[in-house]
Amino acid sequence: MTAVVAPTIGAPISSGHRLRWMFADIFTITWRNLLALTRMPGAMFFSILQPIMFVLLFAYVFGGAIHIPHLRYIDFLIPGIFVQTVSFGSTSTAVGLCEDLQKGLIERFRALPMARSAVLAGRTTADLTRSVFVVALMTGVGYAVGFRIGTNVGLFLCGCLLVLLYCYALAWSFAGVGLSAPNAETAQVMVFPIIFPFTFASSAFVQVASMPGWLQAFAKNQPVTQVVNAARSLMVGGSVHDTRAVWLALAWTIGLLVVFIPLTVRKYRRVS
């Protein structure tokens, strides 16, 4: 009979084991947050309904008044709707973290033998997973109202990945807001004044050239415009093909991650 040797108490843990435990903890927290979403069907329904209403509103109400040279407006619009949808959806990171903090759930997590990074990484990963579903749904809605891929499926998927990476960067950015807010309602109120000007003063719905000169300087040099232009270039191509926008969007997205991940982790250590 082969004897099983128990690990010595206090023995050092290899880095490989630490990584496996960390990813297991992140998966557990991610799954917990996704399950929580399924128990709020009303919130899920209205979060899905909002971007559909934006598509219908801009395509059928404003679309006839907005002229884009050499491009159908619906093809111009859908990449912008993708970015607008994941931007608004990222507010759930701030709200969810604030709720967990106020309910004392994060303190309970801290009492467990789990990686501290799992709470933040699990929340942002869960919100990213939800955005994957929303982008897939919006692709179907876009096709239903006339959107067509102008490049190829591979480049279209690259555009979706870029949008989702931007969504992940925003989730980390807004996680810090959630940890700073006194309650969930305040967290939501704090986030929307940031999202609205960046989303609507961008190339998401209209050409930047149609804006007043003083506003163009801001609209051209902010992250939402760069991500929208990059997604539009990858998904539609043709007259809106812009390789430079793809690199600028990646630079903005990676920059947000580099800046806000350490800031959010530091904030998390202080408040919890």
Protein backbone atom coordinates (compact mmCIF):
# COMPACT_ATOMS: atom_id res chain seq x y z
CA MET A 1 0.00 0.00 0.00
CA THR A 2 1.32 3.41 -0.95
CA ALA A 3 1.38 5.93 1.85
CA VAL A 4 0.08 9.44 1.24
CA VAL A 5 2.33 12.04 2.74
CA ALA A 6 0.46 15.08 4.05
CA PRO A 7 2.00 18.48 3.39
CA THR A 8 3.93 19.93 6.28
CA ILE A 9 2.11 22.74 8.06
CA GLY A 10 3.88 26.01 7.39
CA ALA A 11 5.76 24.60 4.40
CA PRO A 12 6.33 27.15 1.60
CA ILE A 13 3.80 27.14 -1.23
CA SER A 14 5.13 27.10 -4.77
CA SER A 15 4.31 29.96 -7.11
CA GLY A 16 2.48 27.51 -9.37
CA HIS A 17 0.09 26.56 -6.59
CA ARG A 18 -0.47 30.21 -5.72
CA LEU A 19 -1.40 31.02 -9.30
CA ARG A 20 -3.80 28.09 -9.52
CA TRP A 21 -5.50 29.10 -6.27
CA MET A 22 -5.70 32.72 -7.40
CA PHE A 23 -7.36 31.82 -10.72
CA ALA A 24 -9.70 29.41 -8.92
CA ASP A 25 -10.72 32.21 -6.55
CA ILE A 26 -11.25 34.62 -9.45
CA PHE A 27 -13.41 32.04 -11.23
CA THR A 28 -15.47 31.48 -8.07
CA ILE A 29 -16.14 35.20 -7.56
CA THR A 30 -16.89 35.63 -11.28
CA TRP A 31 -19.39 32.78 -11.17
CA ARG A 32 -20.98 34.21 -8.02
CA ASN A 33 -21.49 37.60 -9.71
CA LEU A 34 -22.92 36.00 -12.87
CA LEU A 35 -25.37 33.97 -10.80
CA ALA A 36 -26.46 37.18 -9.07
CA LEU A 37 -27.27 38.67 -12.49
CA THR A 38 -29.53 35.73 -13.37
CA ARG A 39 -31.52 36.38 -10.20
CA MET A 40 -32.34 39.91 -11.36
CA PRO A 41 -34.19 39.29 -14.66
CA GLY A 42 -35.79 42.74 -14.56
CA ALA A 43 -32.43 44.50 -14.44
CA MET A 44 -31.09 42.26 -17.21
CA PHE A 45 -34.13 42.94 -19.38
CA PHE A 46 -33.89 46.73 -19.14
CA SER A 47 -30.09 46.72 -19.59
CA ILE A 48 -30.67 44.85 -22.86
CA LEU A 49 -33.66 46.97 -23.88
CA GLN A 50 -31.76 50.27 -23.60
CA PRO A 51 -29.22 49.67 -26.41
CA ILE A 52 -31.96 48.24 -28.63
CA MET A 53 -33.93 51.45 -28.15
CA PHE A 54 -30.85 53.51 -29.02
CA VAL A 55 -30.43 51.55 -32.27
CA LEU A 56 -34.05 52.04 -33.26
CA LEU A 57 -34.08 55.70 -32.22
CA PHE A 58 -30.96 56.72 -34.13
CA ALA A 59 -31.60 54.47 -37.13
CA TYR A 60 -35.24 55.39 -37.76
CA VAL A 61 -35.70 58.81 -36.12
CA PHE A 62 -32.36 60.59 -36.60
CA GLY A 63 -30.86 58.44 -39.36
CA GLY A 64 -32.69 60.21 -42.16
CA ALA A 65 -31.32 63.59 -41.07
CA ILE A 66 -27.70 62.46 -40.68
CA HIS A 67 -25.74 62.04 -43.90
CA ILE A 68 -22.42 60.17 -43.94
CA PRO A 69 -20.54 60.42 -47.27
CA HIS A 70 -20.04 57.08 -49.04
CA LEU A 71 -21.51 55.10 -46.12
CA ARG A 72 -24.96 54.04 -44.96
CA TYR A 73 -25.81 55.53 -41.59
CA ILE A 74 -26.72 52.15 -40.04
CA ASP A 75 -23.22 50.84 -40.83
CA PHE A 76 -21.74 54.00 -39.32
CA LEU A 77 -23.98 53.72 -36.25
CA ILE A 78 -23.64 50.11 -35.05
CA PRO A 79 -19.93 50.22 -34.03
CA GLY A 80 -20.73 53.37 -32.04
CA ILE A 81 -23.67 51.60 -30.38
CA PHE A 82 -21.33 48.76 -29.38
CA VAL A 83 -19.00 51.17 -27.58
CA GLN A 84 -21.89 53.14 -26.05
CA THR A 85 -23.50 49.93 -24.76
CA VAL A 86 -20.39 48.56 -23.05
CA SER A 87 -19.61 52.01 -21.64
CA PHE A 88 -23.00 52.30 -20.00
CA GLY A 89 -22.85 48.66 -18.90
CA SER A 90 -19.56 49.25 -17.10
CA THR A 91 -21.42 51.29 -14.50
CA SER A 92 -22.55 47.96 -13.00
CA THR A 93 -18.99 47.44 -11.76
CA ALA A 94 -19.15 50.56 -9.61
CA VAL A 95 -22.66 49.79 -8.36
CA GLY A 96 -21.95 46.12 -7.63
CA LEU A 97 -18.72 46.75 -5.75
CA CYS A 98 -20.32 49.51 -3.70
CA GLU A 99 -23.23 47.22 -2.77
CA ASP A 100 -20.84 44.42 -1.71
CA LEU A 101 -18.84 46.87 0.36
CA GLN A 102 -21.85 48.37 2.10
CA LYS A 103 -23.37 44.94 2.85
CA GLY A 104 -20.13 43.79 4.48
CA LEU A 105 -19.62 41.03 1.92
CA ILE A 106 -16.09 42.15 1.09
CA GLU A 107 -15.17 41.91 4.77
CA ARG A 108 -16.41 38.32 4.73
CA PHE A 109 -14.24 37.59 1.71
CA ARG A 110 -11.24 39.02 3.52
CA ALA A 111 -11.81 36.54 6.36
CA LEU A 112 -11.59 33.61 3.95
CA PRO A 113 -8.34 31.98 2.76
CA MET A 114 -8.59 33.44 -0.74
CA ALA A 115 -6.64 35.77 -2.97
CA ARG A 116 -7.56 39.39 -2.25
CA SER A 117 -7.25 40.23 -5.94
CA ALA A 118 -10.11 37.82 -6.67
CA VAL A 119 -12.80 40.28 -5.50
CA LEU A 120 -11.85 42.99 -8.00
CA ALA A 121 -10.80 40.64 -10.81
CA GLY A 122 -13.93 38.51 -10.35
CA ARG A 123 -16.24 41.53 -10.51
CA THR A 124 -14.61 43.01 -13.62
CA THR A 125 -14.46 39.61 -15.34
CA ALA A 126 -18.14 38.97 -14.64
CA ASP A 127 -19.06 42.33 -16.14
CA LEU A 128 -16.86 41.58 -19.14
CA THR A 129 -18.66 38.25 -19.61
CA ARG A 130 -22.01 40.01 -19.54
CA SER A 131 -20.75 42.45 -22.18
CA VAL A 132 -19.81 39.54 -24.46
CA PHE A 133 -23.44 38.45 -24.40
CA VAL A 134 -24.67 42.01 -24.98
CA VAL A 135 -22.33 42.57 -27.96
CA ALA A 136 -23.50 39.29 -29.51
CA LEU A 137 -27.12 40.35 -29.02
CA MET A 138 -26.48 43.79 -30.50
CA THR A 139 -24.87 42.18 -33.53
CA GLY A 140 -28.12 40.32 -34.15
CA VAL A 141 -30.17 43.48 -33.64
CA GLY A 142 -27.86 45.36 -35.99
CA TYR A 143 -28.34 42.76 -38.72
CA ALA A 144 -32.09 42.91 -38.19
CA VAL A 145 -32.13 46.66 -38.95
CA GLY A 146 -29.79 46.45 -41.94
CA PHE A 147 -26.21 46.52 -40.65
CA ARG A 148 -23.75 44.50 -42.73
CA ILE A 149 -20.08 43.68 -42.15
CA GLY A 150 -18.02 45.60 -44.67
CA THR A 151 -14.70 43.81 -44.11
CA ASN A 152 -14.75 40.14 -43.12
CA VAL A 153 -15.78 38.03 -40.14
CA GLY A 154 -12.22 37.87 -38.76
CA LEU A 155 -11.78 41.66 -38.71
CA PHE A 156 -15.30 42.09 -37.34
CA LEU A 157 -14.44 39.78 -34.42
CA CYS A 158 -11.21 41.74 -33.87
CA GLY A 159 -13.32 44.88 -33.63
CA CYS A 160 -15.56 43.18 -31.06
CA LEU A 161 -12.51 42.09 -29.06
CA LEU A 162 -11.20 45.66 -29.07
CA VAL A 163 -14.55 46.94 -27.79
CA LEU A 164 -14.58 44.28 -25.05
CA LEU A 165 -11.02 45.12 -24.02
CA TYR A 166 -12.08 48.76 -23.70
CA CYS A 167 -15.05 47.58 -21.64
CA TYR A 168 -12.67 45.73 -19.30
CA ALA A 169 -10.51 48.85 -18.90
CA LEU A 170 -13.60 50.92 -18.07
CA ALA A 171 -14.71 48.33 -15.50
CA TRP A 172 -11.42 48.75 -13.63
CA SER A 173 -11.74 52.53 -13.88
CA PHE A 174 -15.25 52.54 -12.43
CA ALA A 175 -14.37 49.98 -9.76
CA GLY A 176 -12.47 52.75 -7.98
CA VAL A 177 -15.59 54.93 -8.10
CA GLY A 178 -17.62 52.14 -6.52
CA LEU A 179 -15.12 51.78 -3.69
CA SER A 180 -15.24 55.55 -3.05
CA ALA A 181 -19.02 56.05 -3.10
CA PRO A 182 -21.04 55.92 0.14
CA ASN A 183 -23.86 53.89 -1.45
CA ALA A 184 -24.88 52.28 -4.75
CA GLU A 185 -27.18 55.14 -5.79
CA THR A 186 -24.38 57.66 -5.37
CA ALA A 187 -21.98 55.40 -7.27
CA GLN A 188 -24.32 55.40 -10.26
CA VAL A 189 -24.78 59.16 -10.07
CA MET A 190 -20.99 59.64 -9.93
CA VAL A 191 -20.34 57.50 -13.02
CA PHE A 192 -22.91 58.84 -15.49
CA PRO A 193 -21.55 62.44 -15.63
CA ILE A 194 -18.30 60.86 -16.77
CA ILE A 195 -19.84 58.57 -19.38
CA PHE A 196 -22.29 60.99 -21.01
CA PRO A 197 -19.93 63.70 -22.30
CA PHE A 198 -17.34 61.18 -23.49
CA THR A 199 -19.96 59.06 -25.27
CA PHE A 200 -22.08 61.72 -26.94
CA ALA A 201 -19.26 64.20 -27.66
CA SER A 202 -17.55 61.56 -29.80
CA SER A 203 -17.78 59.99 -33.23
CA ALA A 204 -20.21 57.32 -31.96
CA PHE A 205 -23.34 58.83 -33.53
CA VAL A 206 -22.22 61.70 -35.77
CA GLN A 207 -19.07 62.80 -37.54
CA VAL A 208 -16.77 64.92 -35.41
CA ALA A 209 -16.47 67.41 -38.28
CA SER A 210 -20.14 68.36 -37.79
CA MET A 211 -19.47 69.65 -34.27
CA PRO A 212 -18.47 73.21 -33.30
CA GLY A 213 -14.76 73.87 -33.61
CA TRP A 214 -14.14 74.18 -29.86
CA LEU A 215 -15.80 70.78 -29.29
CA GLN A 216 -13.95 69.03 -32.11
CA ALA A 217 -10.63 69.36 -30.28
CA PHE A 218 -12.04 67.40 -27.35
CA ALA A 219 -14.00 64.90 -29.45
CA LYS A 220 -11.05 63.99 -31.65
CA ASN A 221 -8.65 63.34 -28.78
CA GLN A 222 -10.62 61.30 -26.29
CA PRO A 223 -10.75 57.50 -25.88
CA VAL A 224 -14.35 56.85 -26.95
CA THR A 225 -13.76 58.42 -30.37
CA GLN A 226 -10.59 56.40 -30.88
CA VAL A 227 -12.26 53.11 -29.91
CA VAL A 228 -15.32 53.84 -32.07
CA ASN A 229 -13.15 54.78 -35.06
CA ALA A 230 -11.05 51.64 -34.60
CA ALA A 231 -14.11 49.39 -34.30
CA ARG A 232 -15.69 51.07 -37.33
CA SER A 233 -12.49 50.58 -39.33
CA LEU A 234 -12.33 46.87 -38.46
CA MET A 235 -16.04 46.17 -38.89
CA VAL A 236 -17.01 48.41 -41.81
CA GLY A 237 -13.75 49.30 -43.61
CA GLY A 238 -14.07 51.15 -46.90
CA SER A 239 -14.14 54.92 -46.53
CA VAL A 240 -13.73 54.67 -42.73
CA HIS A 241 -10.69 52.39 -42.81
CA ASP A 242 -8.16 53.84 -40.37
CA THR A 243 -5.29 51.67 -39.13
CA ARG A 244 -3.95 54.51 -36.99
CA ALA A 245 -7.20 54.57 -35.01
CA VAL A 246 -6.71 50.91 -34.07
CA TRP A 247 -3.30 51.61 -32.56
CA LEU A 248 -4.57 54.72 -30.79
CA ALA A 249 -7.50 52.77 -29.34
CA LEU A 250 -5.15 50.05 -28.08
CA ALA A 251 -2.87 52.69 -26.57
CA TRP A 252 -5.79 54.36 -24.75
CA THR A 253 -7.16 51.03 -23.51
CA ILE A 254 -3.83 49.68 -22.27
CA GLY A 255 -3.09 53.07 -20.71
CA LEU A 256 -6.36 52.97 -18.77
CA LEU A 257 -5.54 49.48 -17.50
CA VAL A 258 -2.00 50.45 -16.50
CA VAL A 259 -3.21 53.52 -14.61
CA PHE A 260 -6.41 52.30 -12.98
CA ILE A 261 -5.62 48.71 -11.97
CA PRO A 262 -2.95 49.74 -9.41
CA LEU A 263 -5.01 52.75 -8.28
CA THR A 264 -8.10 50.59 -7.75
CA VAL A 265 -6.14 47.86 -5.95
CA ARG A 266 -4.63 50.49 -3.64
CA LYS A 267 -8.08 51.92 -2.95
CA TYR A 268 -9.43 48.45 -2.25
CA ARG A 269 -6.70 47.77 0.33
CA ARG A 270 -7.52 51.01 2.13
CA VAL A 271 -11.30 50.74 2.32
CA SER A 272 -11.71 47.02 3.02
